């Protein structure tokens, strides 16, 4: 890479990997938005036409290009059981500094683990329902 002439700070906002649990052979959607900082205006603006690397356990698995609004999107298929770390990395350019997103974890399970997935979903549903009920009961007079 050539030596940068100007270094505008960049960041990856709204990084998301969904779902976080899939069966073997399943795919996840990876998305986010590449932005650069404009110091004089104290604001962030989209960076378009730049390649963002999607890293899975440190290895590049996809290289989506940002749209006009700075957003990127791709799908990644997981073929083996295990736990994977996924993040986005922007290597920078002559104008922009490199940056990376936070890490998201993807768990890939086999079909024999289906009952555990249903148990996790049931616990999530019960917790989600309990929070508003608790708030309602706590604020009742």
Protein backbone atom coordinates (compact mmCIF):
# COMPACT_ATOMS: atom_id res chain seq x y z
CA UNK A 1 0.00 0.00 0.00
CA UNK A 2 1.26 3.49 -0.85
CA UNK A 3 2.07 5.93 1.91
CA UNK A 4 -1.06 7.89 2.93
CA UNK A 5 -1.24 11.52 1.90
CA UNK A 6 -4.13 12.42 4.20
CA UNK A 7 -5.45 10.35 7.03
CA UNK A 8 -9.15 10.79 7.67
CA UNK A 9 -10.37 8.76 10.62
CA UNK A 10 -12.78 5.98 9.74
CA UNK A 11 -15.06 3.69 11.69
CA UNK A 12 -17.41 0.81 11.02
CA UNK A 13 -20.81 1.58 12.48
CA UNK A 14 -23.79 -0.71 12.98
CA UNK A 15 -21.81 -3.90 12.47
CA UNK A 16 -24.16 -6.86 12.65
CA UNK A 17 -23.93 -10.62 12.14
CA UNK A 18 -27.28 -12.39 12.09
CA UNK A 19 -28.21 -14.96 13.22
CA UNK A 20 -25.60 -15.80 15.83
CA UNK A 21 -26.50 -19.50 15.92
CA UNK A 22 -26.85 -21.59 12.74
CA UNK A 23 -26.88 -25.25 11.74
CA UNK A 24 -24.01 -26.74 9.74
CA UNK A 25 -24.33 -25.47 6.18
CA UNK A 26 -26.24 -22.40 7.32
CA UNK A 27 -25.53 -18.81 6.32
CA UNK A 28 -25.30 -15.60 8.29
CA UNK A 29 -25.83 -12.06 7.04
CA UNK A 30 -23.05 -9.59 7.73
CA UNK A 31 -23.65 -5.86 7.42
CA UNK A 32 -22.36 -2.50 8.56
CA UNK A 33 -21.52 0.99 7.43
CA UNK A 34 -18.11 2.54 6.71
CA UNK A 35 -17.91 6.19 7.76
CA UNK A 36 -15.20 8.86 7.83
CA UNK A 37 -14.91 11.77 10.24
CA UNK A 38 -15.04 15.40 9.14
CA UNK A 39 -13.33 17.23 12.04
CA UNK A 40 -14.37 20.77 11.12
CA UNK A 41 -18.04 19.78 11.07
CA UNK A 42 -17.78 17.25 13.92
CA UNK A 43 -19.74 14.75 11.86
CA UNK A 44 -19.39 11.36 10.16
CA UNK A 45 -20.02 10.82 6.43
CA UNK A 46 -20.32 7.61 4.39
CA UNK A 47 -17.38 6.19 2.46
CA UNK A 48 -18.47 4.64 -0.84
CA UNK A 49 -16.73 2.31 -3.27
CA UNK A 50 -14.28 0.90 -0.74
CA UNK A 51 -13.64 -2.78 -0.05
CA UNK A 52 -14.24 -4.05 3.49
CA UNK A 53 -12.80 -7.42 4.49
CA UNK A 54 -14.98 -9.78 6.51
CA UNK A 55 -12.70 -11.86 8.71
CA UNK A 56 -13.70 -15.18 10.23
CA UNK A 57 -11.20 -16.33 12.87
CA UNK A 58 -8.70 -13.92 11.32
CA UNK A 59 -9.05 -15.15 7.72
CA UNK A 60 -10.74 -13.16 4.94
CA UNK A 61 -14.00 -14.87 3.91
CA UNK A 62 -15.69 -12.06 1.95
CA UNK A 63 -14.85 -8.62 0.55
CA UNK A 64 -17.99 -6.55 -0.01
CA UNK A 65 -17.73 -3.07 -1.51
CA UNK A 66 -19.47 -0.18 0.23
CA UNK A 67 -22.49 1.39 -1.45
CA UNK A 68 -23.02 5.12 -1.95
CA UNK A 69 -24.40 5.38 1.59
CA UNK A 70 -21.35 3.55 3.02
CA UNK A 71 -23.24 0.35 3.74
CA UNK A 72 -21.88 -3.11 3.00
CA UNK A 73 -23.62 -6.47 3.05
CA UNK A 74 -22.69 -10.07 2.41
CA UNK A 75 -23.61 -13.61 3.38
CA UNK A 76 -21.21 -16.21 4.75
CA UNK A 77 -21.87 -19.97 4.84
CA UNK A 78 -20.54 -22.11 7.70
CA UNK A 79 -20.01 -25.79 6.92
CA UNK A 80 -18.42 -27.09 10.13
CA UNK A 81 -19.58 -27.11 13.74
CA UNK A 82 -17.77 -24.74 16.06
CA UNK A 83 -17.56 -21.23 17.39
CA UNK A 84 -16.33 -18.52 15.05
CA UNK A 85 -15.24 -14.90 15.57
CA UNK A 86 -16.45 -12.53 12.84
CA UNK A 87 -15.41 -8.92 12.31
CA UNK A 88 -15.09 -6.35 9.56
CA UNK A 89 -11.75 -4.77 8.70
CA UNK A 90 -11.13 -1.78 6.45
CA UNK A 91 -7.44 -1.67 5.41
CA UNK A 92 -7.47 2.06 4.59
CA UNK A 93 -6.40 3.94 1.46
CA UNK A 94 -4.42 7.01 0.45
CA UNK A 95 -7.13 9.13 2.03
CA UNK A 96 -8.58 7.04 4.87
CA UNK A 97 -7.14 5.40 7.98
CA UNK A 98 -7.74 1.71 8.55
CA UNK A 99 -10.34 0.60 11.10
CA UNK A 100 -12.10 -2.51 12.29
CA UNK A 101 -15.40 -3.40 13.90
CA UNK A 102 -16.04 -5.17 17.15
CA UNK A 103 -16.13 -8.97 17.05
CA UNK A 104 -19.33 -10.98 16.85
CA UNK A 105 -19.52 -14.68 17.68
CA UNK A 106 -21.25 -17.24 15.47
CA UNK A 107 -21.99 -20.70 16.85
CA UNK A 108 -22.51 -23.48 14.32
CA UNK A 109 -24.34 -26.52 15.64
CA UNK A 110 -25.14 -29.93 14.21
CA UNK A 111 -28.66 -31.23 13.63
CA UNK A 112 -28.32 -33.45 16.70
CA UNK A 113 -28.19 -30.28 18.83
CA UNK A 114 -31.69 -29.10 17.78
CA UNK A 115 -33.27 -29.59 21.26
CA UNK A 116 -30.66 -27.26 22.79
CA UNK A 117 -31.48 -24.57 20.22
CA UNK A 118 -35.17 -24.79 21.11
CA UNK A 119 -34.32 -24.56 24.81
CA UNK A 120 -32.21 -21.44 24.18
CA UNK A 121 -35.04 -19.88 22.17
CA UNK A 122 -37.56 -20.68 24.92
CA UNK A 123 -35.33 -19.05 27.55
CA UNK A 124 -34.89 -15.98 25.33
CA UNK A 125 -38.66 -15.70 24.79
CA UNK A 126 -39.39 -16.07 28.51
CA UNK A 127 -36.80 -13.43 29.42
CA UNK A 128 -38.10 -11.04 26.75
CA UNK A 129 -41.66 -11.40 28.06
CA UNK A 130 -40.60 -11.08 31.70
CA UNK A 131 -38.89 -7.69 31.35
CA UNK A 132 -41.99 -5.67 30.29
CA UNK A 133 -44.13 -7.56 32.82
CA UNK A 134 -41.68 -6.69 35.60
CA UNK A 135 -41.61 -3.03 34.57
CA UNK A 136 -45.41 -2.93 34.44
CA UNK A 137 -45.77 -4.50 37.87
CA UNK A 138 -43.10 -2.24 39.37
CA UNK A 139 -44.75 0.94 38.08
CA UNK A 140 -48.34 0.01 39.01
CA UNK A 141 -49.83 1.94 41.90
